[in-house]
N, C-alpha and C. Protein backbone atom coordinates (compact mmCIF):
# COMPACT_ATOMS: atom_id res chain seq x y z
N MET A 1 158.16 -85.54 227.38
CA MET A 1 156.86 -85.24 227.73
C MET A 1 156.10 -86.42 228.54
N ASN A 2 155.46 -86.37 229.55
CA ASN A 2 154.87 -87.40 230.44
C ASN A 2 153.53 -87.48 229.77
N ALA A 3 152.79 -86.31 229.74
CA ALA A 3 151.42 -86.47 229.43
C ALA A 3 151.01 -85.15 228.69
N ARG A 4 149.70 -85.35 228.07
CA ARG A 4 149.16 -84.28 227.50
C ARG A 4 147.43 -84.20 227.75
N ASP A 5 147.09 -83.09 228.10
CA ASP A 5 145.71 -83.03 228.55
C ASP A 5 144.95 -82.12 227.56
N GLY A 6 143.76 -82.45 227.15
CA GLY A 6 142.88 -81.54 226.02
C GLY A 6 141.60 -81.33 226.31
N ALA A 7 141.06 -80.16 225.71
CA ALA A 7 139.55 -80.12 225.99
C ALA A 7 138.88 -79.81 224.62
N GLY A 8 137.75 -79.90 224.39
CA GLY A 8 137.16 -79.47 222.92
C GLY A 8 136.86 -78.30 222.65
N PHE A 9 136.08 -77.58 223.51
CA PHE A 9 135.42 -76.23 223.33
C PHE A 9 135.49 -75.60 224.51
N PRO A 10 136.16 -74.24 224.82
CA PRO A 10 137.03 -73.81 224.15
C PRO A 10 138.40 -74.76 223.90
N PRO A 11 139.15 -74.81 223.01
CA PRO A 11 140.17 -75.64 222.71
C PRO A 11 141.34 -75.23 223.76
N SER A 12 141.97 -76.29 224.33
CA SER A 12 142.88 -76.26 225.33
C SER A 12 143.72 -77.48 225.28
N ILE A 13 145.13 -77.26 225.06
CA ILE A 13 145.89 -78.42 225.34
C ILE A 13 147.05 -78.06 226.04
N THR A 14 147.20 -78.80 227.13
CA THR A 14 148.54 -78.62 227.98
C THR A 14 149.29 -79.83 227.81
N CYS A 15 150.56 -79.53 227.73
CA CYS A 15 151.61 -80.55 227.77
C CYS A 15 152.47 -80.46 229.09
N HIS A 16 152.38 -81.64 229.67
CA HIS A 16 153.14 -81.80 230.84
C HIS A 16 154.38 -82.56 231.00
N TRP A 17 155.48 -81.85 231.15
CA TRP A 17 156.90 -82.31 230.90
C TRP A 17 157.54 -83.16 232.25
N SER A 18 158.50 -83.89 232.11
CA SER A 18 158.91 -84.73 232.78
C SER A 18 159.83 -83.84 233.95
N SER A 19 160.09 -82.41 233.64
CA SER A 19 160.79 -81.74 234.59
C SER A 19 159.88 -81.06 235.58
N GLY A 20 158.43 -81.26 235.33
CA GLY A 20 157.50 -80.62 236.15
C GLY A 20 156.88 -79.32 235.68
N HIS A 21 157.46 -79.08 234.27
CA HIS A 21 157.03 -77.80 233.71
C HIS A 21 155.70 -78.23 232.78
N SER A 22 155.06 -77.14 232.87
CA SER A 22 153.63 -77.35 231.72
C SER A 22 153.60 -76.36 230.88
N THR A 23 153.33 -76.54 229.50
CA THR A 23 152.95 -75.40 228.55
C THR A 23 151.67 -75.49 228.30
N GLU A 24 150.96 -74.42 227.66
CA GLU A 24 149.56 -74.45 227.06
C GLU A 24 150.12 -74.12 225.51
N GLU A 25 149.62 -75.12 224.65
CA GLU A 25 149.98 -75.07 223.36
C GLU A 25 149.02 -74.47 222.41
N VAL A 26 147.62 -73.88 223.01
CA VAL A 26 146.80 -73.09 222.05
C VAL A 26 147.12 -71.56 222.41
N SER A 27 147.17 -70.85 221.41
CA SER A 27 147.36 -69.43 221.43
C SER A 27 146.17 -68.74 222.11
N PHE A 28 146.48 -67.47 222.83
CA PHE A 28 145.67 -66.80 223.93
C PHE A 28 144.61 -66.31 222.76
N TRP A 29 144.67 -66.06 221.70
CA TRP A 29 143.67 -65.49 220.85
C TRP A 29 142.76 -66.32 220.06
N ALA A 30 142.88 -67.78 220.27
CA ALA A 30 142.12 -68.85 219.64
C ALA A 30 140.66 -68.79 220.35
N PRO A 31 140.45 -68.86 221.70
CA PRO A 31 139.15 -68.97 222.20
C PRO A 31 138.40 -67.63 221.93
N PRO A 32 138.66 -66.45 222.02
CA PRO A 32 138.03 -65.32 221.63
C PRO A 32 137.79 -65.25 220.05
N LEU A 33 138.41 -65.65 219.22
CA LEU A 33 138.10 -65.72 217.94
C LEU A 33 137.11 -66.80 217.69
N LEU A 34 137.06 -68.05 218.20
CA LEU A 34 136.20 -68.84 218.00
C LEU A 34 134.74 -68.35 218.63
N TYR A 35 134.84 -67.62 219.78
CA TYR A 35 133.51 -67.28 220.20
C TYR A 35 132.97 -66.00 219.21
N ALA A 36 134.04 -65.35 218.93
CA ALA A 36 133.37 -64.23 217.97
C ALA A 36 132.73 -64.70 216.70
N GLY A 37 133.35 -65.87 216.03
CA GLY A 37 132.97 -66.48 214.95
C GLY A 37 131.45 -67.12 215.19
N VAL A 38 131.34 -67.76 216.34
CA VAL A 38 129.83 -68.31 216.55
C VAL A 38 128.99 -67.21 216.75
N ALA A 39 129.27 -66.11 217.40
CA ALA A 39 128.51 -64.88 217.43
C ALA A 39 127.99 -64.27 216.29
N CYS A 40 128.81 -64.25 215.49
CA CYS A 40 128.79 -63.79 213.95
C CYS A 40 127.90 -64.62 213.33
N LEU A 41 128.14 -65.86 213.18
CA LEU A 41 127.32 -66.94 212.48
C LEU A 41 126.03 -66.72 213.10
N ALA A 42 125.57 -66.60 214.62
CA ALA A 42 124.24 -66.46 214.97
C ALA A 42 123.43 -65.08 214.49
N VAL A 43 124.26 -64.20 214.60
CA VAL A 43 123.81 -62.69 214.07
C VAL A 43 123.37 -62.95 212.51
N CYS A 44 124.23 -63.28 211.94
CA CYS A 44 124.01 -63.25 210.26
C CYS A 44 122.65 -64.35 210.04
N SER A 45 122.72 -65.42 210.69
CA SER A 45 121.73 -66.54 210.46
C SER A 45 120.26 -65.67 210.64
N ALA A 46 120.32 -64.83 211.85
CA ALA A 46 119.05 -64.34 212.38
C ALA A 46 118.75 -63.26 211.36
N LEU A 47 119.67 -62.62 210.87
CA LEU A 47 119.42 -61.38 209.90
C LEU A 47 118.96 -61.96 208.41
N LEU A 48 119.46 -63.16 208.37
CA LEU A 48 119.03 -63.66 206.82
C LEU A 48 117.55 -64.42 207.07
N LEU A 49 117.26 -64.87 208.10
CA LEU A 49 115.88 -65.35 208.55
C LEU A 49 114.81 -64.30 208.37
N VAL A 50 115.26 -63.10 208.89
CA VAL A 50 114.29 -61.87 209.05
C VAL A 50 114.16 -61.35 207.72
N ASN A 51 115.42 -61.25 207.07
CA ASN A 51 115.39 -60.54 205.53
C ASN A 51 114.45 -61.53 204.46
N ARG A 52 114.64 -62.91 204.70
CA ARG A 52 113.91 -63.89 204.06
C ARG A 52 112.33 -63.74 204.37
N HIS A 53 111.92 -63.56 205.41
CA HIS A 53 110.58 -63.42 205.96
C HIS A 53 110.01 -62.16 205.44
N LYS A 54 110.65 -60.91 205.22
CA LYS A 54 110.35 -59.83 204.75
C LYS A 54 109.93 -59.93 203.19
N TYR A 55 110.98 -60.71 202.62
CA TYR A 55 111.08 -60.88 201.18
C TYR A 55 109.84 -61.68 200.75
N ARG A 56 109.56 -62.84 201.33
CA ARG A 56 108.41 -63.70 201.06
C ARG A 56 106.90 -62.80 201.25
N LYS A 57 107.08 -62.14 202.36
CA LYS A 57 105.73 -61.24 202.79
C LYS A 57 105.66 -60.35 201.40
N ALA A 58 106.73 -59.56 201.04
CA ALA A 58 106.47 -58.70 200.07
C ALA A 58 106.16 -59.09 198.72
N SER A 59 106.93 -60.31 198.27
CA SER A 59 106.42 -60.99 197.13
C SER A 59 104.92 -61.48 197.02
N ARG A 60 104.38 -61.78 198.07
CA ARG A 60 102.94 -62.32 198.17
C ARG A 60 102.12 -61.01 197.88
N ASP A 61 102.42 -59.74 198.30
CA ASP A 61 101.88 -58.57 198.16
C ASP A 61 101.53 -58.17 196.77
N PHE A 62 102.65 -58.76 195.80
CA PHE A 62 102.51 -58.13 194.37
C PHE A 62 102.04 -59.03 193.63
N GLU A 63 101.44 -60.11 194.23
CA GLU A 63 101.16 -61.01 192.98
C GLU A 63 99.87 -60.75 192.15
N PHE A 64 99.99 -61.12 190.85
CA PHE A 64 99.16 -60.71 189.84
C PHE A 64 97.96 -61.62 189.74
N ASP A 65 96.65 -61.01 189.58
CA ASP A 65 95.60 -62.10 189.38
C ASP A 65 95.35 -62.43 188.01
N ALA A 66 95.05 -63.60 187.45
CA ALA A 66 95.10 -64.05 186.22
C ALA A 66 93.75 -63.61 185.67
């Protein structure tokens, strides 16, 4: 192996061999899976914040007077 190139996001590692052949070492399914995970995180976080806002608003409506 002569050299190795790598990138952070999406992950990519290419090995360059002395014969001139190059191989990609990251599976084809890894980048789409990472993007799906980031999208899921964003959607779940947004839904959590919306639900929290609704819950806090509802709890203020039902406060009892002393």
